[in-house]
Amino acid sequence: MKTIYKTYLFALRPTKEQEDLLNKHLGCARFVFNHFLNERIEQYKEEKKSSNYYQQAASMTQLKKKVETQWLKEVNSQSLQAALRNLDTAFLNFFRGHARFPRFKSKRKRNSFAVPQFVVVHDHKVYFPKFKEGIRLIEHREIKGEVKHCTISKTPTGKFFVSILCEVLYIPIQPTSKHVGIDLGVKDFAITSDGIRFKNNHHLKQYESALATAQKHLSRKVKGSNSRNRQRLKVAAIHEKITNTRLDLLHKVSTQITNAYDTICIEDLNVKGMMANHKLAKHIADASWGTFVRLLEYKSDWNNKRIIKIGRFYPSSKTCNQCGYIHHKLKLSERSWTCPNGHTLNRDINASKNILEQGLRIMGAELSHYTDGDLNQTSVKEA
């Protein structure tokens, strides 16, 4: 048994008054983020330096006292502080090279605000500051563990959701002592070294025609009109459907693989570089390999499984799994090929087997290194 942090996502069903107050929280959090982001940008232009979180938190206190921005007092103050924290984290990630420069938040996109403390879930309602009567939620599964905090979000289609973070005592699944190599692709989403293929549903392609029609109608609407807003919601609903179906597949595949294997070997793909190929960019983005790997990583961590990443320059598709011959001129269009020694190979299954073997080599080298280190330490102690 181990302690993990698990997030539960539920749809909210607020009353009209609650919906207005939620929108006010979202607007205030967005205003604080954008206002102080602009302040940092202007300060840097003038002084070549900008404020930190603590200086801006003090500025926000003064901002609430101004007549024109007294409406900031109507919402949970901790949610506004959380927005400032998010801004500071965004700058830290940018300076460390982990993310791009922070961007201003848009009212039309997904918006959210955090509630860091005093969150209670009881009788199919969630309670937090400013919402003492509780907001009804669709609790489709039992919440386990201690509730820590929550985040309220609103989708472009106008739906409200709550993401509840809990500290949970988790029992990892039983080990299987099996190893697998996974080759990620476009034609098939994932191919394992056991020969199992996970179909790529091409989510964007399924709804491409409907999306193009809806976007064409949106482009013809008068800006600012109610008709345009209704059509905007239709476009957003299609995008939401694509996102949900894609995430559903990623969760199912990642869960199935994590449950079945103890060691999972995958390639460290250069997705950004691959997106430069304009013929494949849309299909690669639709596959969402990065999200899939992220899901695999946290589910493996929960269950004491191991993920080994293979170097992106390793020629997994071009190397014959049986004799080691490397076909340097292998084209992307060639789905199968025969090496000079007469071995006929399926490109994807061959790649997944090579990924598995390379991953096991890496794991063996690490174990050998640790064993040698222990032996050296023992020799020193005996001497």
Protein backbone atom coordinates (compact mmCIF):
# COMPACT_ATOMS: atom_id res chain seq x y z
CA MET A 1 0.00 0.00 0.00
CA LYS A 2 1.29 3.46 -0.89
CA THR A 3 0.09 7.05 -0.68
CA ILE A 4 -0.74 8.70 -4.01
CA TYR A 5 -2.52 11.84 -5.14
CA LYS A 6 -5.54 11.10 -7.31
CA THR A 7 -7.85 13.51 -9.11
CA TYR A 8 -11.58 12.99 -9.56
CA LEU A 9 -13.39 14.94 -12.27
CA PHE A 10 -17.14 15.54 -11.95
CA ALA A 11 -19.67 17.62 -13.84
CA LEU A 12 -21.36 20.40 -11.84
CA ARG A 13 -25.03 21.36 -11.92
CA PRO A 14 -25.10 24.86 -10.37
CA THR A 15 -28.23 26.96 -9.91
CA LYS A 16 -28.56 30.23 -11.83
CA GLU A 17 -27.25 32.24 -8.84
CA GLN A 18 -24.34 29.83 -8.36
CA GLU A 19 -23.52 29.96 -12.06
CA ASP A 20 -23.33 33.75 -11.92
CA LEU A 21 -21.00 33.59 -8.90
CA LEU A 22 -18.84 30.93 -10.59
CA ASN A 23 -18.54 33.14 -13.67
CA LYS A 24 -17.54 36.01 -11.40
CA HIS A 25 -14.78 33.86 -9.86
CA LEU A 26 -13.55 32.85 -13.30
CA GLY A 27 -13.57 36.45 -14.50
CA CYS A 28 -11.72 37.75 -11.44
CA ALA A 29 -9.07 35.02 -11.60
CA ARG A 30 -8.59 35.72 -15.30
CA PHE A 31 -8.38 39.48 -14.65
CA VAL A 32 -5.74 39.03 -11.91
CA PHE A 33 -3.63 36.76 -14.13
CA ASN A 34 -3.81 39.09 -17.14
CA HIS A 35 -3.38 42.29 -15.13
CA PHE A 36 -0.21 41.17 -13.37
CA LEU A 37 1.17 39.47 -16.49
CA ASN A 38 0.87 42.82 -18.26
CA GLU A 39 2.47 44.53 -15.24
CA ARG A 40 5.48 42.20 -15.43
CA ILE A 41 5.86 42.78 -19.16
CA GLU A 42 5.74 46.58 -18.78
CA GLN A 43 8.15 46.52 -15.83
CA TYR A 44 10.64 44.48 -17.81
CA LYS A 45 10.42 46.89 -20.76
CA GLU A 46 11.17 49.85 -18.51
CA GLU A 47 13.48 48.44 -15.82
CA LYS A 48 14.76 45.16 -17.33
CA LYS A 49 13.35 43.33 -14.29
CA SER A 50 9.92 42.36 -13.01
CA SER A 51 8.11 41.71 -9.72
CA ASN A 52 7.85 38.35 -7.98
CA TYR A 53 4.82 36.67 -6.42
CA TYR A 54 5.14 38.35 -3.01
CA GLN A 55 5.43 41.85 -4.45
CA GLN A 56 2.44 41.30 -6.69
CA ALA A 57 0.41 39.77 -3.82
CA ALA A 58 0.94 43.02 -1.90
CA SER A 59 -0.07 44.99 -5.01
CA MET A 60 -3.25 42.94 -5.30
CA THR A 61 -4.22 43.90 -1.74
CA GLN A 62 -3.96 47.56 -2.74
CA LEU A 63 -5.82 46.85 -5.98
CA LYS A 64 -8.82 45.59 -4.01
CA LYS A 65 -9.01 48.91 -2.15
CA LYS A 66 -9.44 50.92 -5.34
CA VAL A 67 -13.00 51.94 -6.15
CA GLU A 68 -12.86 50.70 -9.75
CA THR A 69 -11.70 47.20 -8.73
CA GLN A 70 -13.52 46.66 -5.43
CA TRP A 71 -15.48 43.85 -7.09
CA LEU A 72 -12.43 41.64 -6.53
CA LYS A 73 -13.55 41.41 -2.87
CA GLU A 74 -16.71 39.54 -3.90
CA VAL A 75 -14.85 36.31 -4.66
CA ASN A 76 -12.68 33.91 -2.67
CA SER A 77 -9.38 35.71 -1.98
CA GLN A 78 -7.41 32.44 -1.98
CA SER A 79 -8.51 31.76 -5.57
CA LEU A 80 -7.02 35.10 -6.63
CA GLN A 81 -3.79 34.27 -4.80
CA ALA A 82 -3.73 30.91 -6.59
CA ALA A 83 -4.00 32.75 -9.94
CA LEU A 84 -0.93 34.79 -8.94
CA ARG A 85 0.87 31.58 -7.98
CA ASN A 86 0.06 30.12 -11.39
CA LEU A 87 1.47 33.20 -13.09
CA ASP A 88 4.69 32.97 -11.06
CA THR A 89 4.99 29.25 -11.89
CA ALA A 90 4.46 30.00 -15.58
CA PHE A 91 7.37 32.48 -15.51
CA LEU A 92 9.62 30.01 -13.66
CA ASN A 93 8.86 27.31 -16.23
CA PHE A 94 9.61 29.74 -19.04
CA PHE A 95 12.98 30.80 -17.61
CA ARG A 96 13.92 27.16 -16.99
CA GLY A 97 13.15 26.31 -20.61
CA HIS A 98 10.22 24.01 -19.78
CA ALA A 99 7.48 26.10 -21.40
CA ARG A 100 6.90 29.06 -23.66
CA PHE A 101 6.32 32.62 -22.49
CA PRO A 102 3.06 33.05 -20.51
CA ARG A 103 0.11 34.15 -22.60
CA PHE A 104 -2.95 36.20 -21.71
CA LYS A 105 -6.04 34.17 -20.84
CA SER A 106 -9.04 34.37 -23.16
CA LYS A 107 -12.66 34.43 -22.05
CA ARG A 108 -13.64 32.21 -24.99
CA LYS A 109 -11.35 29.31 -24.10
CA ARG A 110 -11.37 26.94 -21.14
CA ASN A 111 -11.15 28.91 -17.90
CA SER A 112 -10.56 27.77 -14.35
CA PHE A 113 -9.87 28.87 -10.79
CA ALA A 114 -8.37 26.96 -7.88
CA VAL A 115 -9.73 26.57 -4.35
CA PRO A 116 -6.66 25.72 -2.21
CA GLN A 117 -8.44 25.10 1.14
CA PHE A 118 -11.70 24.30 2.94
CA VAL A 119 -13.12 21.98 0.27
CA VAL A 120 -15.75 19.49 1.48
CA VAL A 121 -17.68 16.91 -0.55
CA HIS A 122 -20.86 15.63 1.10
CA ASP A 123 -24.19 14.24 -0.06
CA HIS A 124 -23.43 14.77 -3.80
CA LYS A 125 -22.47 18.40 -3.24
CA VAL A 126 -19.16 20.23 -3.10
CA TYR A 127 -18.72 23.01 -0.54
CA PHE A 128 -16.02 25.71 -0.52
CA PRO A 129 -15.75 29.40 0.45
CA LYS A 130 -18.49 31.64 -1.01
CA PHE A 131 -20.59 28.52 -1.74
CA LYS A 132 -21.81 27.50 1.71
CA GLU A 133 -25.01 25.95 0.34
CA GLY A 134 -22.96 23.60 -1.86
CA ILE A 135 -23.02 22.99 -5.61
CA ARG A 136 -24.60 19.78 -6.86
CA LEU A 137 -22.22 17.47 -8.68
CA ILE A 138 -22.74 14.30 -10.73
CA GLU A 139 -20.83 11.92 -8.46
CA HIS A 140 -20.59 8.97 -10.86
CA ARG A 141 -18.03 7.17 -8.68
CA GLU A 142 -17.07 7.11 -5.03
CA ILE A 143 -14.47 9.59 -3.83
CA LYS A 144 -11.80 7.86 -1.79
CA GLY A 145 -9.17 9.43 0.42
CA GLU A 146 -8.73 12.84 2.01
CA VAL A 147 -9.87 15.82 -0.06
CA LYS A 148 -7.05 18.37 -0.41
CA HIS A 149 -8.22 21.04 -2.83
CA CYS A 150 -10.21 21.47 -6.02
CA THR A 151 -10.23 23.35 -9.31
CA ILE A 152 -13.40 24.63 -10.97
CA SER A 153 -13.32 24.86 -14.77
CA LYS A 154 -15.68 26.00 -17.50
CA THR A 155 -15.44 24.61 -21.03
CA PRO A 156 -15.96 26.71 -24.18
CA THR A 157 -19.39 25.04 -24.45
CA GLY A 158 -20.43 26.53 -21.10
CA LYS A 159 -20.24 23.35 -18.98
CA PHE A 160 -18.86 23.47 -15.43
CA PHE A 161 -16.59 20.78 -13.96
CA VAL A 162 -14.83 20.29 -10.65
CA SER A 163 -11.48 18.50 -10.35
CA ILE A 164 -10.98 17.24 -6.78
CA LEU A 165 -7.48 16.27 -5.61
CA CYS A 166 -7.38 13.57 -2.93
CA GLU A 167 -4.66 11.85 -0.93
CA VAL A 168 -5.40 8.15 -1.31
CA LEU A 169 -4.00 4.93 0.15
CA TYR A 170 -3.53 2.86 -2.99
CA ILE A 171 -2.86 -0.87 -3.39
CA PRO A 172 -0.73 -1.47 -6.53
CA ILE A 173 -1.83 -4.22 -8.89
CA GLN A 174 -0.04 -7.56 -8.77
CA PRO A 175 3.20 -7.79 -10.82
CA THR A 176 3.15 -9.91 -13.98
CA SER A 177 6.92 -10.29 -14.60
CA LYS A 178 6.30 -9.46 -18.27
CA HIS A 179 8.18 -6.97 -20.46
CA VAL A 180 7.02 -5.19 -23.60
CA GLY A 181 8.30 -2.86 -26.28
CA ILE A 182 5.88 -0.37 -27.81
CA ASP A 183 6.17 1.29 -31.19
CA LEU A 184 3.89 4.32 -31.58
CA GLY A 185 2.55 4.99 -35.05
CA VAL A 186 -0.02 6.76 -37.18
CA LYS A 187 -1.65 3.88 -39.06
CA ASP A 188 -1.95 1.86 -35.83
CA PHE A 189 -1.77 3.87 -32.64
CA ALA A 190 0.49 1.41 -30.80
CA ILE A 191 2.08 -1.93 -31.69
CA THR A 192 3.55 -4.15 -28.97
CA SER A 193 6.40 -6.62 -29.25
CA ASP A 194 3.81 -9.36 -28.60
CA GLY A 195 2.15 -8.47 -31.91
CA ILE A 196 -0.85 -6.72 -30.34
CA ARG A 197 -2.11 -3.73 -32.34
CA PHE A 198 -4.14 -0.90 -30.86
CA LYS A 199 -6.24 0.74 -33.54
CA ASN A 200 -5.87 4.44 -34.25
CA ASN A 201 -9.39 5.81 -34.39
CA HIS A 202 -8.30 9.00 -36.21
CA HIS A 203 -10.62 11.10 -34.05
CA LEU A 204 -10.11 14.35 -35.95
CA LYS A 205 -10.76 12.67 -39.30
CA GLN A 206 -14.07 11.25 -38.04
CA TYR A 207 -15.44 14.72 -37.32
CA GLU A 208 -13.46 16.69 -39.91
CA SER A 209 -16.36 17.16 -42.32
CA ALA A 210 -18.81 18.27 -39.60
CA LEU A 211 -16.17 20.60 -38.12
CA ALA A 212 -15.40 22.19 -41.49
CA THR A 213 -19.12 22.82 -42.13
CA ALA A 214 -19.66 24.31 -38.66
CA GLN A 215 -16.59 26.56 -39.01
CA LYS A 216 -17.75 27.71 -42.45
CA HIS A 217 -21.12 28.76 -41.01
CA LEU A 218 -19.34 30.50 -38.11
CA SER A 219 -17.20 32.55 -40.50
CA ARG A 220 -20.37 33.94 -42.13
CA LYS A 221 -21.98 35.15 -38.91
CA VAL A 222 -21.89 38.78 -37.85
CA LYS A 223 -19.37 39.36 -35.07
CA GLY A 224 -21.02 40.11 -31.74
CA SER A 225 -24.41 38.67 -32.76
CA ASN A 226 -26.34 36.04 -30.81
CA SER A 227 -26.38 33.88 -33.93
CA ARG A 228 -22.58 33.87 -34.04
CA ASN A 229 -22.38 32.95 -30.36
CA ARG A 230 -24.75 30.00 -30.89
CA GLN A 231 -22.67 28.81 -33.84
CA ARG A 232 -19.47 29.24 -31.80
CA LEU A 233 -20.90 26.85 -29.22
CA LYS A 234 -21.61 24.30 -31.96
CA VAL A 235 -17.99 24.45 -33.13
CA ALA A 236 -16.77 24.17 -29.55
CA ALA A 237 -19.01 21.13 -28.99
CA ILE A 238 -17.38 19.30 -31.92
CA HIS A 239 -13.90 20.10 -30.61
CA GLU A 240 -14.98 18.87 -27.17
CA LYS A 241 -16.25 15.60 -28.66
CA ILE A 242 -12.93 15.04 -30.45
CA THR A 243 -10.97 15.72 -27.25
CA ASN A 244 -13.13 13.41 -25.13
CA THR A 245 -13.01 10.46 -27.57
CA ARG A 246 -9.23 10.81 -27.95
CA LEU A 247 -8.66 10.93 -24.18
CA ASP A 248 -10.95 7.94 -23.70
CA LEU A 249 -8.80 5.83 -26.04
CA LEU A 250 -5.55 7.00 -24.42
CA HIS A 251 -6.79 6.05 -20.94
CA LYS A 252 -8.02 2.62 -22.04
CA VAL A 253 -4.81 1.71 -23.89
CA SER A 254 -2.48 3.04 -21.16
CA THR A 255 -4.43 1.18 -18.44
CA GLN A 256 -4.41 -2.09 -20.39
CA ILE A 257 -0.66 -1.90 -20.99
CA THR A 258 0.14 -0.92 -17.40
CA ASN A 259 -1.93 -3.79 -16.01
CA ALA A 260 -0.35 -6.37 -18.33
CA TYR A 261 3.38 -5.56 -18.10
CA ASP A 262 5.97 -4.72 -15.45
CA THR A 263 8.57 -3.19 -17.78
CA ILE A 264 7.43 -0.93 -20.61
CA CYS A 265 9.98 0.18 -23.22
CA ILE A 266 9.09 3.10 -25.49
CA GLU A 267 10.90 5.51 -27.79
CA ASP A 268 11.76 9.02 -26.69
CA LEU A 269 10.15 10.57 -29.77
CA ASN A 270 11.02 14.06 -31.01
CA VAL A 271 7.39 15.00 -31.61
CA LYS A 272 8.18 18.67 -32.23
CA GLY A 273 10.66 17.76 -34.95
CA MET A 274 8.26 15.25 -36.50
CA MET A 275 5.55 17.92 -36.66
CA ALA A 276 7.75 19.79 -39.14
CA ASN A 277 6.64 17.24 -41.74
CA HIS A 278 3.48 18.99 -42.94
CA LYS A 279 2.13 15.80 -44.53
CA LEU A 280 2.05 14.04 -41.16
CA ALA A 281 1.70 16.93 -38.71
CA LYS A 282 -2.08 16.73 -38.40
CA HIS A 283 -2.05 12.95 -37.88
CA ILE A 284 0.74 13.13 -35.30
CA ALA A 285 -1.06 15.86 -33.37
CA ASP A 286 -4.28 13.84 -33.49
CA ALA A 287 -2.52 10.74 -32.10
CA SER A 288 -1.38 12.73 -29.04
CA TRP A 289 1.64 10.57 -28.21
CA GLY A 290 2.87 12.99 -25.54
CA THR A 291 -0.33 12.68 -23.52
CA PHE A 292 -0.23 8.91 -23.89
CA VAL A 293 3.31 8.73 -22.49
CA ARG A 294 2.32 11.02 -19.60
CA LEU A 295 -0.60 8.72 -18.72
CA LEU A 296 1.66 5.68 -18.91
CA GLU A 297 4.20 7.32 -16.61
CA TYR A 298 1.88 8.19 -13.76
CA LYS A 299 -0.06 4.90 -13.94
CA SER A 300 3.23 2.98 -13.93
CA ASP A 301 4.41 4.98 -10.93
CA TRP A 302 1.20 4.13 -9.05
CA ASN A 303 1.67 0.40 -9.70
CA ASN A 304 5.47 0.16 -9.24
CA LYS A 305 5.98 -0.54 -12.94
CA ARG A 306 9.01 0.69 -14.86
CA ILE A 307 9.21 2.73 -18.06
CA ILE A 308 12.44 2.72 -20.07
CA LYS A 309 12.86 5.30 -22.81
CA ILE A 310 14.98 4.47 -25.85
CA GLY A 311 17.10 7.17 -27.52
CA ARG A 312 15.32 8.87 -30.40
CA PHE A 313 18.18 8.15 -32.79
CA TYR A 314 18.09 4.38 -32.28
CA PRO A 315 17.14 2.81 -35.71
CA SER A 316 14.38 0.55 -34.37
CA SER A 317 12.51 0.27 -37.69
CA LYS A 318 15.64 -0.12 -39.84
CA THR A 319 17.33 -2.86 -37.78
CA CYS A 320 16.55 -6.52 -38.44
CA ASN A 321 15.48 -8.04 -35.14
CA GLN A 322 16.86 -11.45 -36.07
CA CYS A 323 20.32 -10.73 -37.51
CA GLY A 324 21.04 -7.07 -36.70
CA TYR A 325 21.30 -5.85 -40.31
CA ILE A 326 20.49 -2.12 -40.66
CA HIS A 327 18.51 -1.03 -43.73
CA HIS A 328 19.68 2.60 -43.98
CA LYS A 329 17.52 3.42 -47.03
CA LEU A 330 14.22 2.18 -45.59
CA LYS A 331 11.36 4.49 -46.68
CA LEU A 332 8.38 5.44 -44.55
CA SER A 333 6.04 3.98 -47.18
CA GLU A 334 7.62 0.50 -46.83
CA ARG A 335 5.51 -1.30 -44.26
CA SER A 336 7.48 -4.56 -44.61
CA TRP A 337 10.94 -5.41 -45.88
CA THR A 338 13.36 -8.31 -46.31
CA CYS A 339 16.95 -8.20 -45.09
CA PRO A 340 19.85 -9.73 -47.15
CA ASN A 341 19.75 -12.80 -44.88
CA GLY A 342 16.20 -13.60 -46.00
CA HIS A 343 14.27 -12.41 -42.94
CA THR A 344 10.93 -10.85 -43.92
CA LEU A 345 9.93 -8.25 -41.35
CA ASN A 346 6.83 -6.25 -40.52
CA ARG A 347 8.07 -2.72 -39.98
CA ASP A 348 6.07 -1.96 -36.81
CA ILE A 349 6.38 -5.31 -35.01
CA ASN A 350 10.10 -5.43 -35.86
CA ALA A 351 10.51 -1.93 -34.36
CA SER A 352 8.67 -2.85 -31.16
CA LYS A 353 10.84 -5.98 -30.70
CA ASN A 354 14.00 -3.91 -31.18
CA ILE A 355 12.71 -1.34 -28.67
CA LEU A 356 12.12 -4.12 -26.14
CA GLU A 357 15.61 -5.59 -26.62
CA GLN A 358 17.27 -2.19 -26.39
CA GLY A 359 15.27 -1.38 -23.25
CA LEU A 360 16.30 -4.65 -21.61
CA ARG A 361 19.93 -3.90 -22.49
CA ILE A 362 19.64 -0.51 -20.79
CA MET A 363 18.03 -2.10 -17.73
CA GLY A 364 20.73 -4.80 -17.62
CA ALA A 365 23.50 -2.21 -17.88
CA GLU A 366 21.97 -0.24 -15.01
CA LEU A 367 21.67 -3.35 -12.84
CA SER A 368 25.28 -4.29 -13.66
CA HIS A 369 26.40 -0.79 -12.74
CA TYR A 370 24.61 -0.92 -9.39
CA THR A 371 25.98 -4.42 -8.68
CA ASP A 372 29.53 -3.32 -9.49
CA GLY A 373 29.07 -0.30 -7.26
CA ASP A 374 27.91 -2.49 -4.36
CA LEU A 375 30.88 -4.84 -4.88
CA ASN A 376 33.31 -1.92 -4.89
CA GLN A 377 31.81 -0.55 -1.67
CA THR A 378 32.09 -4.01 -0.07
CA SER A 379 35.76 -4.30 -1.13
CA VAL A 380 36.53 -0.90 0.38
CA LYS A 381 34.86 -1.84 3.66
CA GLU A 382 36.75 -5.15 3.84
CA ALA A 383 40.06 -3.41 3.10
